[in-house]
Amino acid sequence: MTDVTATPGNTGNTGNSMVFHPRPEAGLAKPWDFPAPDRSSLPNGLSVLGCHRPGQKV
């Protein structure tokens, strides 16, 4: 988030000086593996790999 401070001659809408807040520290990454894919075939013979991801809409 940035705050714009007004300087003489402007109203703050297009201020030239900004006050930057410190960025939060990054946390540790959680280990994650892509789920094993399910293999299926379409009627035309094309192979399809799919992964069931509950809660993920595509």
C-alpha atoms as a PDB file:
ATOM      1  CA  MET A   1       0.000   0.000   0.000  1.00  0.00           C
ATOM      2  CA  THR A   2       1.264   3.459  -0.785  1.00  0.00           C
ATOM      3  CA  ASP A   3       0.203   6.782   0.646  1.00  0.00           C
ATOM      4  CA  VAL A   4       0.477   9.868  -1.529  1.00  0.00           C
ATOM      5  CA  THR A   5       1.390  13.020   0.362  1.00  0.00           C
ATOM      6  CA  ALA A   6       0.558  16.447  -0.998  1.00  0.00           C
ATOM      7  CA  THR A   7       3.401  18.796  -1.865  1.00  0.00           C
ATOM      8  CA  PRO A   8       3.148  22.558  -2.416  1.00  0.00           C
ATOM      9  CA  GLY A   9       1.437  23.266  -5.698  1.00  0.00           C
ATOM     10  CA  ASN A  10      -0.603  20.087  -5.977  1.00  0.00           C
ATOM     11  CA  THR A  11      -3.715  18.708  -4.324  1.00  0.00           C
ATOM     12  CA  GLY A  12      -2.456  15.240  -3.508  1.00  0.00           C
ATOM     13  CA  ASN A  13      -4.201  13.605  -6.461  1.00  0.00           C
ATOM     14  CA  THR A  14      -1.013  13.587  -8.509  1.00  0.00           C
ATOM     15  CA  GLY A  15       1.543  14.010  -5.716  1.00  0.00           C
ATOM     16  CA  ASN A  16       5.204  13.505  -6.489  1.00  0.00           C
ATOM     17  CA  SER A  17       6.268  12.170  -3.104  1.00  0.00           C
ATOM     18  CA  MET A  18       5.165   8.804  -1.764  1.00  0.00           C
ATOM     19  CA  VAL A  19       5.555   7.125   1.591  1.00  0.00           C
ATOM     20  CA  PHE A  20       6.140   3.396   1.218  1.00  0.00           C
ATOM     21  CA  HIS A  21       5.178   1.038   3.998  1.00  0.00           C
ATOM     22  CA  PRO A  22       7.579  -1.824   4.759  1.00  0.00           C
ATOM     23  CA  ARG A  23       6.902  -5.043   2.864  1.00  0.00           C
ATOM     24  CA  PRO A  24       5.907  -8.088   4.903  1.00  0.00           C
ATOM     25  CA  GLU A  25       8.392 -10.938   5.224  1.00  0.00           C
ATOM     26  CA  ALA A  26       7.792 -13.973   3.007  1.00  0.00           C
ATOM     27  CA  GLY A  27       6.850 -17.161   4.813  1.00  0.00           C
ATOM     28  CA  LEU A  28       8.281 -20.615   4.257  1.00  0.00           C
ATOM     29  CA  ALA A  29       6.978 -22.465   1.212  1.00  0.00           C
ATOM     30  CA  LYS A  30       4.807 -25.487   1.931  1.00  0.00           C
ATOM     31  CA  PRO A  31       5.929 -28.706   0.240  1.00  0.00           C
ATOM     32  CA  TRP A  32       3.579 -29.637  -2.586  1.00  0.00           C
ATOM     33  CA  ASP A  33       3.551 -32.229  -5.356  1.00  0.00           C
ATOM     34  CA  PHE A  34       1.299 -32.222  -8.372  1.00  0.00           C
ATOM     35  CA  PRO A  35      -1.251 -35.057  -8.008  1.00  0.00           C
ATOM     36  CA  ALA A  36      -0.843 -38.160 -10.167  1.00  0.00           C
ATOM     37  CA  PRO A  37      -2.823 -37.735 -13.411  1.00  0.00           C
ATOM     38  CA  ASP A  38      -5.691 -39.962 -14.509  1.00  0.00           C
ATOM     39  CA  ARG A  39      -5.338 -41.273 -18.066  1.00  0.00           C
ATOM     40  CA  SER A  40      -8.375 -41.682 -20.288  1.00  0.00           C
ATOM     41  CA  SER A  41      -9.158 -41.786 -23.998  1.00  0.00           C
ATOM     42  CA  LEU A  42     -11.614 -39.843 -26.108  1.00  0.00           C
ATOM     43  CA  PRO A  43     -13.797 -41.676 -28.671  1.00  0.00           C
ATOM     44  CA  ASN A  44     -11.449 -40.474 -31.456  1.00  0.00           C
ATOM     45  CA  GLY A  45      -8.467 -42.187 -29.754  1.00  0.00           C
ATOM     46  CA  LEU A  46      -6.855 -39.068 -28.296  1.00  0.00           C
ATOM     47  CA  SER A  47      -5.277 -39.688 -24.875  1.00  0.00           C
ATOM     48  CA  VAL A  48      -6.218 -37.271 -22.100  1.00  0.00           C
ATOM     49  CA  LEU A  49      -4.405 -36.720 -18.808  1.00  0.00           C
ATOM     50  CA  GLY A  50      -6.412 -35.075 -16.044  1.00  0.00           C
ATOM     51  CA  CYS A  51      -5.862 -34.291 -12.385  1.00  0.00           C
ATOM     52  CA  HIS A  52      -8.718 -34.089  -9.909  1.00  0.00           C
ATOM     53  CA  ARG A  53      -8.261 -30.871  -7.935  1.00  0.00           C
ATOM     54  CA  PRO A  54     -11.170 -30.472  -5.499  1.00  0.00           C
ATOM     55  CA  GLY A  55     -12.261 -26.862  -5.183  1.00  0.00           C
ATOM     56  CA  GLN A  56     -10.360 -25.748  -8.299  1.00  0.00           C
ATOM     57  CA  LYS A  57     -12.642 -24.639 -11.119  1.00  0.00           C
ATOM     58  CA  VAL A  58     -11.305 -24.522 -14.646  1.00  0.00           C
END
